Amino acid sequence: MDWRSYYKEHTMTPEQAVGMIHDGDRVVFGHAVGEPIIFQRTMANMAEQFHNVEVAHMVYLGSGDYLQPGMESHFRHNALFVGGAARKPIAEHRADYTPVFFSDVPRMFRDGTLPVDVFAFTCSPPDERGYVSLGLSCDYGAQAVKSAKTVIAEVNPNMPRTYGESFVHVSEIDGFLCSWEPLPESAPAKISEEDRQIGKYIADLVRDGDCLQLGIGALPDAVCSFLGDKKDLGLHTEMISDGVLPLLESGVINGKRKQRDVEKVCVTFLMGTRRLYDYVDNNPMIRMLPVDVCNNPAIISQNDNVVSINSCVEVDLQGQVCAEAIGLRQISGIGGQMDFVRGANLSKGGRSIIALHSTTKNESASKIVTTLTTGAPVTTSRCDVNYIVTEYGVAQLRGQTLRERAKRLIAIAHPKFRAELAEEYAQRFGEKLTV
């Protein structure tokens, strides 16, 4: 097959591409930076032509045109992870949330639990053999291409070409539209003094040769800022952002002591600035993996000394962690936290770390609580929790009794709330706790 002829014949206008959607379809967008920018904008502009179309995806970095009030009869969002643009529509019952492990999304596409009618995503231009790259978002896109009835690619030369399992041949795609839009960027978060203290505590738990999982935001960036003196760190992680660049460029992260994918950085998606995107472009050190591979605890644990670092909303005195909601108000999602907590716990010498500020903003409430807020889901169970870290210290909970867990958590709570927590401890365990 002459792929160039196929590509030319199947290249269309944005309106023609959006016209491939039918009423009642489930449309899945590429994840995060893989979102099809022009496609979603055109879809919103053509809203009057559609009825009862479900639009499903995880993190969303776009303008959210189809999420605006008045769109409900045309498009209804099914969030597999609740990003900023989806919080208000979900709270106002104009959109829905489906709880799901990130690693399970491809299987749900594959086995028909969540059948995909249309998959639209952004990719790099085809190479000389007719392969486009999923670029910065391999994750569920690799499976969605195989599962969708109709596949639409928004070809953008700004999308990096990444290595690993991120390539799709043009013959697997039904329609192409051209884009030169700048890719969405996520500026590094501002690191507070509390973030720095937490980062230092976590860095002290990291040893030379460890294999890290890091996320995005101030806390992971703070951790990275204290790892410059470590040696031969590995990286097998759900995602990376700009915070890891100094460690990669200096050789602190080199993957030499990994047991699988030696000297490679394994990741399923990336979010950050153009500097990060340029770093991973055509970089053979970066190995993109589908999320059901990258986030599989059995795969994660094949590396020794895995250290997973995640954050949360609150922790109760039993060690139960909620990382996705404030009571019944969904503000985030399960994502890959449990995948990596379990992968780290299964790893020889592995450690899982959950980090949080001791209080909400302005010290108005403790994030270490007697019981989780009414309606809040348990993201990470008390049996899976290992280390909890706040700016006041480290509480190692694995293998500890409920009594000892409560003591250790109260010791790293904000001093302002320790007496209140100690009262609950006395009622629960029948002994006074001096704080």
Protein backbone atom coordinates (compact mmCIF):
# COMPACT_ATOMS: atom_id res chain seq x y z
CA MET A 1 0.00 0.00 0.00
CA ASP A 2 1.18 3.50 -0.85
CA TRP A 3 0.67 5.18 2.50
CA ARG A 4 1.19 8.66 1.06
CA SER A 5 -1.76 8.24 -1.29
CA TYR A 6 -3.90 6.88 1.53
CA TYR A 7 -2.92 9.79 3.76
CA LYS A 8 -3.75 12.36 1.07
CA GLU A 9 -7.08 10.73 0.22
CA HIS A 10 -8.15 10.66 3.87
CA THR A 11 -7.08 14.19 4.79
CA MET A 12 -10.13 16.38 5.37
CA THR A 13 -11.35 19.65 6.80
CA PRO A 14 -12.12 19.88 10.53
CA GLU A 15 -15.84 20.04 9.67
CA GLN A 16 -15.61 16.84 7.61
CA ALA A 17 -13.74 15.11 10.44
CA VAL A 18 -16.31 16.14 13.05
CA GLY A 19 -19.04 15.05 10.62
CA MET A 20 -17.91 11.45 11.17
CA ILE A 21 -19.60 11.59 14.61
CA HIS A 22 -23.15 10.25 14.83
CA ASP A 23 -25.88 10.91 17.39
CA GLY A 24 -25.54 8.59 20.38
CA ASP A 25 -21.81 7.95 19.81
CA ARG A 26 -19.22 7.76 22.55
CA VAL A 27 -16.34 10.01 21.47
CA VAL A 28 -13.03 9.54 23.30
CA PHE A 29 -10.43 12.31 23.18
CA GLY A 30 -6.71 11.81 23.43
CA HIS A 31 -5.43 12.33 26.95
CA ALA A 32 -3.90 15.59 28.26
CA VAL A 33 -1.59 17.05 25.58
CA GLY A 34 -2.97 14.43 23.18
CA GLU A 35 -6.29 16.28 23.09
CA PRO A 36 -7.36 17.18 19.51
CA ILE A 37 -7.54 20.97 19.87
CA ILE A 38 -9.10 21.96 16.54
CA PHE A 39 -11.37 18.91 16.47
CA GLN A 40 -12.94 19.65 19.85
CA ARG A 41 -13.32 23.35 19.02
CA THR A 42 -15.03 22.54 15.72
CA MET A 43 -17.22 19.95 17.43
CA ALA A 44 -18.48 22.60 19.86
CA ASN A 45 -19.15 25.01 17.00
CA MET A 46 -21.21 22.33 15.26
CA ALA A 47 -23.09 21.36 18.44
CA GLU A 48 -26.57 21.93 16.98
CA GLN A 49 -26.01 19.02 14.59
CA PHE A 50 -25.55 16.48 17.39
CA HIS A 51 -27.69 14.91 20.10
CA ASN A 52 -26.80 12.68 23.03
CA VAL A 53 -23.10 12.37 22.19
CA GLU A 54 -20.95 11.23 25.13
CA VAL A 55 -17.45 12.66 25.27
CA ALA A 56 -15.09 10.63 27.47
CA HIS A 57 -11.49 11.31 28.47
CA MET A 58 -9.20 11.82 31.45
CA VAL A 59 -7.14 14.99 32.07
CA TYR A 60 -8.35 17.79 29.82
CA LEU A 61 -6.21 20.84 29.04
CA GLY A 62 -8.42 22.56 26.47
CA SER A 63 -10.92 25.36 26.56
CA GLY A 64 -13.80 23.10 27.49
CA ASP A 65 -16.15 24.59 24.87
CA TYR A 66 -18.42 21.55 24.81
CA LEU A 67 -18.70 21.62 28.63
CA GLN A 68 -20.42 24.99 28.73
CA PRO A 69 -24.03 25.38 29.99
CA GLY A 70 -26.56 24.79 27.23
CA MET A 71 -24.55 21.99 25.61
CA GLU A 72 -26.20 19.21 27.64
CA SER A 73 -28.60 17.97 24.95
CA HIS A 74 -25.75 17.80 22.45
CA PHE A 75 -22.74 16.60 24.45
CA ARG A 76 -22.41 15.03 27.88
CA HIS A 77 -18.98 14.60 29.38
CA ASN A 78 -18.01 11.32 31.01
CA ALA A 79 -14.91 12.10 33.05
CA LEU A 80 -12.58 9.18 33.72
CA PHE A 81 -10.50 11.63 35.78
CA VAL A 82 -11.87 14.96 36.97
CA GLY A 83 -9.75 17.86 35.78
CA GLY A 84 -10.33 21.53 36.49
CA ALA A 85 -12.69 22.15 33.56
CA ALA A 86 -14.95 19.24 34.55
CA ARG A 87 -15.44 20.00 38.26
CA LYS A 88 -18.16 22.58 37.89
CA PRO A 89 -20.18 20.70 35.23
CA ILE A 90 -20.09 17.55 37.41
CA ALA A 91 -21.12 19.49 40.52
CA GLU A 92 -24.00 21.00 38.53
CA HIS A 93 -25.02 17.55 37.22
CA ARG A 94 -24.25 18.49 33.63
CA ALA A 95 -21.49 15.87 33.39
CA ASP A 96 -20.64 12.50 34.93
CA TYR A 97 -17.68 10.78 36.55
CA THR A 98 -16.73 7.12 36.17
CA PRO A 99 -14.37 5.82 38.89
CA VAL A 100 -11.66 3.75 37.23
CA PHE A 101 -8.03 2.83 37.68
CA PHE A 102 -6.02 4.51 34.91
CA SER A 103 -4.44 1.15 34.09
CA ASP A 104 -7.87 -0.40 33.54
CA VAL A 105 -9.08 2.06 30.88
CA PRO A 106 -7.55 0.20 27.89
CA ARG A 107 -9.11 -3.08 29.00
CA MET A 108 -12.51 -1.39 29.31
CA PHE A 109 -12.15 -0.17 25.73
CA ARG A 110 -10.94 -3.61 24.61
CA ASP A 111 -13.61 -5.79 26.27
CA GLY A 112 -16.53 -3.48 25.49
CA THR A 113 -17.20 -2.24 29.01
CA LEU A 114 -16.71 1.23 27.52
CA PRO A 115 -17.08 0.73 23.76
CA VAL A 116 -15.47 3.48 21.67
CA ASP A 117 -17.28 4.78 18.60
CA VAL A 118 -14.89 7.62 17.72
CA PHE A 119 -11.36 8.22 18.96
CA ALA A 120 -9.85 11.63 18.14
CA PHE A 121 -6.30 12.54 19.13
CA THR A 122 -3.29 14.69 18.28
CA CYS A 123 -0.19 13.05 16.82
CA SER A 124 3.07 13.88 15.06
CA PRO A 125 3.28 13.96 11.24
CA PRO A 126 3.95 10.58 9.58
CA ASP A 127 7.55 9.49 9.21
CA GLU A 128 9.04 8.12 5.99
CA ARG A 129 7.38 4.73 6.61
CA GLY A 130 3.94 6.15 7.32
CA TYR A 131 3.94 5.97 11.10
CA VAL A 132 2.64 8.78 13.28
CA SER A 133 3.65 9.02 16.93
CA LEU A 134 1.16 9.37 19.78
CA GLY A 135 3.78 11.75 21.14
CA LEU A 136 3.13 12.88 24.69
CA SER A 137 0.13 10.64 25.42
CA CYS A 138 0.49 6.93 24.76
CA ASP A 139 -1.60 5.79 27.79
CA TYR A 140 -5.06 4.67 26.62
CA GLY A 141 -4.58 6.03 23.09
CA ALA A 142 -2.68 2.97 21.93
CA GLN A 143 -5.71 0.77 22.68
CA ALA A 144 -8.33 3.31 21.60
CA VAL A 145 -6.86 3.25 18.08
CA LYS A 146 -7.46 -0.51 17.98
CA SER A 147 -10.89 -0.45 19.62
CA ALA A 148 -12.62 2.55 18.03
CA LYS A 149 -14.96 2.14 15.07
CA THR A 150 -13.68 5.45 13.68
CA VAL A 151 -10.20 6.90 14.32
CA ILE A 152 -9.42 10.57 13.62
CA ALA A 153 -5.92 12.02 13.89
CA GLU A 154 -5.18 15.71 14.26
CA VAL A 155 -1.69 15.93 12.77
CA ASN A 156 0.40 18.62 14.40
CA PRO A 157 4.13 19.18 13.74
CA ASN A 158 4.42 20.63 17.27
CA MET A 159 3.79 17.16 18.72
CA PRO A 160 7.08 15.44 19.60
CA ARG A 161 7.95 12.10 18.08
CA THR A 162 8.51 9.73 20.97
CA TYR A 163 9.90 6.20 21.10
CA GLY A 164 8.50 3.07 22.68
CA GLU A 165 5.05 1.71 21.88
CA SER A 166 3.73 5.00 20.59
CA PHE A 167 3.62 4.45 16.82
CA VAL A 168 0.47 4.06 14.73
CA HIS A 169 0.47 3.45 10.97
CA VAL A 170 -1.65 5.79 8.88
CA SER A 171 -3.60 2.78 7.56
CA GLU A 172 -5.12 2.36 11.05
CA ILE A 173 -6.60 5.88 10.89
CA ASP A 174 -9.82 6.83 9.08
CA GLY A 175 -9.41 10.58 8.83
CA PHE A 176 -6.71 13.24 9.18
CA LEU A 177 -6.93 16.96 9.79
CA CYS A 178 -4.00 19.34 9.86
CA SER A 179 -3.12 21.56 12.80
CA TRP A 180 -0.34 23.97 13.70
CA GLU A 181 -1.80 24.93 17.09
CA PRO A 182 0.68 25.34 19.97
CA LEU A 183 0.41 22.36 22.33
CA PRO A 184 -1.11 22.96 25.78
CA GLU A 185 1.56 23.67 28.38
CA SER A 186 1.55 23.35 32.17
CA ALA A 187 3.77 25.83 33.95
CA PRO A 188 5.74 24.51 36.94
CA ALA A 189 3.87 24.99 40.21
CA LYS A 190 5.10 27.47 42.79
CA ILE A 191 6.92 25.61 45.58
CA SER A 192 6.01 26.72 49.11
CA GLU A 193 8.12 26.39 52.25
CA GLU A 194 5.87 23.52 53.34
CA ASP A 195 6.49 21.80 49.99
CA ARG A 196 10.24 22.17 50.48
CA GLN A 197 10.12 20.64 53.94
CA ILE A 198 8.03 17.71 52.71
CA GLY A 199 10.36 17.33 49.73
CA LYS A 200 13.37 17.13 52.03
CA TYR A 201 11.75 14.46 54.21
CA ILE A 202 10.89 12.39 51.13
CA ALA A 203 14.34 12.83 49.58
CA ASP A 204 15.82 11.41 52.79
CA LEU A 205 13.85 8.21 52.13
CA VAL A 206 15.35 7.88 48.63
CA ARG A 207 18.57 5.89 48.24
CA ASP A 208 21.11 5.66 45.42
CA GLY A 209 19.85 3.31 42.71
CA ASP A 210 16.15 3.61 43.59
CA CYS A 211 13.57 3.59 40.80
CA LEU A 212 11.15 6.50 41.18
CA GLN A 213 7.54 7.25 40.35
CA LEU A 214 6.80 10.97 40.40
CA GLY A 215 3.78 13.05 39.44
CA ILE A 216 3.22 16.68 38.59
CA GLY A 217 2.96 19.69 40.88
CA ALA A 218 4.79 21.48 43.65
CA LEU A 219 5.42 18.44 45.86
CA PRO A 220 7.11 16.22 43.21
CA ASP A 221 9.12 19.23 42.01
CA ALA A 222 10.18 19.92 45.59
CA VAL A 223 11.33 16.31 45.97
CA CYS A 224 13.35 16.56 42.75
CA SER A 225 15.11 19.67 44.03
CA PHE A 226 16.63 17.63 46.87
CA LEU A 227 17.80 14.65 44.81
CA GLY A 228 20.79 16.24 43.10
CA ASP A 229 23.31 14.35 45.25
CA LYS A 230 21.82 10.91 44.54
CA LYS A 231 23.35 8.45 42.09
CA ASP A 232 21.97 6.15 39.40
CA LEU A 233 18.28 6.76 39.99
CA GLY A 234 15.76 5.10 37.71
CA LEU A 235 12.40 6.38 36.52
CA HIS A 236 9.37 4.19 35.81
CA THR A 237 6.44 6.51 36.25
CA GLU A 238 2.95 7.29 35.02
CA MET A 239 3.99 10.76 33.89
CA ILE A 240 6.81 13.26 34.02
CA SER A 241 6.95 17.03 34.00
CA ASP A 242 9.66 19.69 33.92
CA GLY A 243 10.71 18.97 37.50
CA VAL A 244 12.73 15.91 36.46
CA LEU A 245 14.67 17.66 33.68
CA PRO A 246 17.63 18.79 35.86
CA LEU A 247 18.01 15.21 37.14
CA LEU A 248 17.91 13.79 33.63
CA GLU A 249 20.29 16.36 32.20
CA SER A 250 22.79 15.93 35.04
CA GLY A 251 22.71 12.12 34.82
CA VAL A 252 21.35 11.63 38.33
CA ILE A 253 18.51 9.75 36.63
CA ASN A 254 20.18 7.30 34.26
CA GLY A 255 18.39 3.98 34.92
CA LYS A 256 21.63 2.00 35.14
CA ARG A 257 20.48 -0.04 38.15
CA LYS A 258 17.03 -0.93 36.84
CA GLN A 259 16.13 -4.59 36.34
CA ARG A 260 13.92 -3.95 33.29
CA ASP A 261 14.15 -1.23 30.66
CA VAL A 262 17.70 -0.53 31.80
CA GLU A 263 18.86 3.03 31.03
CA LYS A 264 15.36 3.92 29.83
CA VAL A 265 12.75 6.27 31.31
CA CYS A 266 9.41 4.47 31.14
CA VAL A 267 6.35 6.72 31.11
CA THR A 268 2.82 6.70 29.71
CA PHE A 269 2.18 10.44 29.29
CA LEU A 270 3.85 13.83 29.79
CA MET A 271 2.65 17.31 30.75
CA GLY A 272 4.84 20.37 31.07
CA THR A 273 6.39 23.18 29.08
CA ARG A 274 7.84 23.30 25.59
CA ARG A 275 11.28 22.69 27.12
CA LEU A 276 10.14 19.24 28.28
CA TYR A 277 8.48 18.50 24.94
CA ASP A 278 11.68 19.37 23.08
CA TYR A 279 13.72 17.19 25.45
CA VAL A 280 11.67 14.05 24.76
CA ASP A 281 11.41 14.65 20.99
CA ASN A 282 13.31 11.86 19.20
CA ASN A 283 15.03 10.98 22.49
CA PRO A 284 15.67 7.22 22.60
CA MET A 285 16.04 7.30 26.40
CA ILE A 286 12.29 7.98 26.71
CA ARG A 287 10.18 4.84 26.32
CA MET A 288 6.44 5.48 26.05
CA LEU A 289 4.29 2.56 27.20
CA PRO A 290 0.53 1.94 27.14
CA VAL A 291 -0.91 2.61 30.58
CA ASP A 292 -1.99 -1.00 31.11
CA VAL A 293 1.69 -1.91 30.80
CA CYS A 294 3.34 1.09 32.44
CA ASN A 295 0.98 1.14 35.44
CA ASN A 296 0.66 -2.63 35.86
CA PRO A 297 1.82 -3.42 39.44
CA ALA A 298 3.31 -6.72 38.24
CA ILE A 299 5.44 -4.83 35.69
CA ILE A 300 6.33 -2.01 38.11
CA SER A 301 7.54 -4.50 40.71
CA GLN A 302 9.98 -6.13 38.28
CA ASN A 303 12.30 -3.27 39.21
CA ASP A 304 13.84 -3.41 42.67
CA ASN A 305 13.68 -0.49 45.11
CA VAL A 306 10.69 1.22 43.51
CA VAL A 307 9.73 4.39 45.40
CA SER A 308 6.26 5.71 44.56
CA ILE A 309 5.52 9.30 45.57
CA ASN A 310 1.91 10.50 45.51
CA SER A 311 -0.21 13.16 47.20
CA CYS A 312 -3.69 13.16 48.71
CA VAL A 313 -6.53 15.26 50.11
CA GLU A 314 -6.75 13.74 53.61
CA VAL A 315 -5.70 10.77 55.75
CA ASP A 316 -7.65 9.39 58.69
CA LEU A 317 -6.21 7.98 61.90
CA GLN A 318 -6.45 4.43 60.54
CA GLY A 319 -4.25 5.38 57.58
CA GLN A 320 -7.03 5.41 54.99
CA VAL A 321 -6.22 7.83 52.18
CA CYS A 322 -8.60 9.92 50.08
CA ALA A 323 -6.82 11.50 47.12
CA GLU A 324 -9.71 12.43 44.85
CA ALA A 325 -12.63 14.14 46.57
CA ILE A 326 -13.77 16.47 49.33
CA GLY A 327 -16.64 14.49 50.74
CA LEU A 328 -19.01 13.83 47.85
CA ARG A 329 -17.46 16.58 45.71
CA GLN A 330 -15.24 14.93 43.14
CA ILE A 331 -12.16 17.07 42.44
CA SER A 332 -9.75 14.58 40.91
CA GLY A 333 -9.63 10.84 40.22
CA ILE A 334 -8.02 7.57 41.17
CA GLY A 335 -5.53 7.81 38.33
CA GLY A 336 -2.51 5.61 38.91
CA GLN A 337 -1.99 6.08 42.65
CA MET A 338 -3.08 2.59 43.66
CA ASP A 339 -1.25 1.01 40.72
CA PHE A 340 2.06 2.45 41.87
CA VAL A 341 1.44 2.02 45.60
CA ARG A 342 0.91 -1.68 45.02
CA GLY A 343 3.75 -1.90 42.52
CA ALA A 344 6.15 -0.30 45.01
CA ASN A 345 4.96 -2.53 47.84
CA LEU A 346 5.52 -5.62 45.67
CA SER A 347 8.98 -4.45 44.59
CA LYS A 348 12.01 -5.90 46.39
CA GLY A 349 13.12 -3.07 48.70
CA GLY A 350 10.26 -0.87 47.46
CA ARG A 351 8.53 1.91 49.39
CA SER A 352 5.32 3.82 48.80
CA ILE A 353 5.00 7.40 50.05
CA ILE A 354 1.86 9.52 50.36
CA ALA A 355 2.52 13.23 50.97
CA LEU A 356 0.22 16.04 52.03
CA HIS A 357 0.25 19.42 53.74
CA SER A 358 -0.85 19.08 57.35
CA THR A 359 -3.66 21.62 56.89
CA THR A 360 -5.88 23.18 54.27
CA LYS A 361 -5.16 26.75 53.20
CA ASN A 362 -4.87 29.30 56.00
CA GLU A 363 -4.61 26.45 58.52
CA SER A 364 -8.41 26.32 58.68
CA ALA A 365 -8.66 22.51 58.95
CA SER A 366 -6.42 19.52 59.52
CA LYS A 367 -5.78 17.13 56.65
CA ILE A 368 -5.05 14.39 59.17
CA VAL A 369 -8.55 13.65 60.37
CA THR A 370 -10.33 11.37 62.82
CA THR A 371 -12.46 9.91 60.01
CA LEU A 372 -12.60 10.72 56.33
CA THR A 373 -15.10 13.40 55.38
CA THR A 374 -18.61 11.95 55.00
CA GLY A 375 -18.99 10.57 51.49
CA ALA A 376 -15.28 10.64 50.69
CA PRO A 377 -13.98 7.52 48.89
CA VAL A 378 -10.97 5.54 50.06
CA THR A 379 -8.42 5.84 47.25
CA THR A 380 -5.63 3.92 48.97
CA SER A 381 -6.59 1.41 51.64
CA ARG A 382 -5.03 1.31 55.09
CA CYS A 383 -3.49 -2.08 54.25
CA ASP A 384 -1.65 -0.60 51.26
CA VAL A 385 -0.33 2.54 52.99
CA ASN A 386 3.35 2.62 53.90
CA TYR A 387 4.77 6.11 54.57
CA ILE A 388 2.74 9.26 55.21
CA VAL A 389 4.69 12.53 55.07
CA THR A 390 3.75 16.08 56.08
CA GLU A 391 5.90 19.15 56.71
CA TYR A 392 6.09 17.93 60.33
CA GLY A 393 7.69 14.58 59.63
CA VAL A 394 7.33 10.99 58.46
CA ALA A 395 4.92 8.35 59.78
CA GLN A 396 5.71 4.78 58.77
CA LEU A 397 2.42 2.83 59.06
CA ARG A 398 3.01 -0.48 57.37
CA GLY A 399 2.71 -3.35 59.84
CA GLN A 400 1.61 -1.06 62.68
CA THR A 401 -1.44 -1.51 64.90
CA LEU A 402 -4.34 0.92 64.70
CA ARG A 403 -3.22 2.36 68.03
CA GLU A 404 0.33 2.94 66.83
CA ARG A 405 -0.83 4.31 63.48
CA ALA A 406 -2.94 6.93 65.24
CA LYS A 407 -0.01 7.94 67.46
CA ARG A 408 2.34 8.34 64.54
CA LEU A 409 -0.13 10.31 62.44
CA ILE A 410 -0.97 12.67 65.29
CA ALA A 411 2.77 13.30 65.72
CA ILE A 412 3.02 14.67 62.15
CA ALA A 413 -0.27 16.61 62.25
CA HIS A 414 -0.23 20.40 62.56
CA PRO A 415 0.37 21.34 66.25
CA LYS A 416 -2.81 23.41 66.17
CA PHE A 417 -4.92 20.24 65.76
CA ARG A 418 -2.99 17.64 67.76
CA ALA A 419 -4.96 18.11 71.00
CA GLU A 420 -8.25 17.59 69.14
CA LEU A 421 -6.91 14.44 67.48
CA ALA A 422 -5.55 13.22 70.82
CA GLU A 423 -9.05 13.47 72.32
CA GLU A 424 -10.33 11.12 69.64
CA TYR A 425 -7.37 8.83 70.32
CA ALA A 426 -8.28 8.69 74.04
CA GLN A 427 -11.91 7.82 73.26
CA ARG A 428 -10.93 5.23 70.68
CA PHE A 429 -8.14 3.48 72.58
CA GLY A 430 -8.90 4.19 76.23
CA GLU A 431 -5.66 5.94 77.07
CA LYS A 432 -4.46 9.51 77.22
CA LEU A 433 -1.96 10.69 74.60
CA THR A 434 0.40 13.51 75.48
CA VAL A 435 0.95 15.88 72.55
